[in-house]
Amino acid sequence: MKKQQGFTLIELVVVIIILGILAVTAAPKFINLQSDARLSALNGAKSAIQGANSLVYSKAALAGVERTASNGTPAPSVDIGTGTPAVTQFGYIQATLAELENAVDMDFNVGTSPTDPTITTDNNAEWTIWTVNGVATIWQTGSPAACSFTYTQAADANTPPVYSVMPTADDC
């Protein structure tokens, strides 16, 4: 019979050291995945609003209300197929909780302020919003306050909505 031999202690120590070096060099890349995922989700939400805005503006133009402010009576609205007409601001989606939820088919929690990610009204939603004076700040629930973007509704018939510059992965 042959005598079986296992690994020597030196061989085991060398393998453990190599695995440790690999873990130290690879760990930062895996740790940053959550920030990258948050930023990607934020980009997706921004794109959803932009896409919905294109469709709403097209419907508003067909209805002839693309140059009308929402402070008139009756407020300009278009049928977007959700059962609730979208009230528009110069043909675009208003920066309000109700109008964004209606047009984009997203649910929002309500935040404390645009710089505080604390939730004041928890609707058990994936997204949080803070709106004031035609500006909506949107971030993913649980994200830092810096990981957000703003949507500013159209100011007049010649100015389309403004979307803020997206944060970096380091902000998320």
Foldseek 3Di string as FASTA:
>chain_A
DDDDDDDDPVVVVVVVVVVVVVCVVCVVVVVLVVLVVQLVVQVVLVVLQVVLFVVQLVQCVVVVCLQPAQVDVPADWGCPPQPDTARAGSRGHFQDQVNCCRRSVFHEFEAPDLQDLHGPGCPVGQKYWYDDDQKIWIGGRPAHSLQIKIWGCAPGNVGHIDIGDGDDSVRD
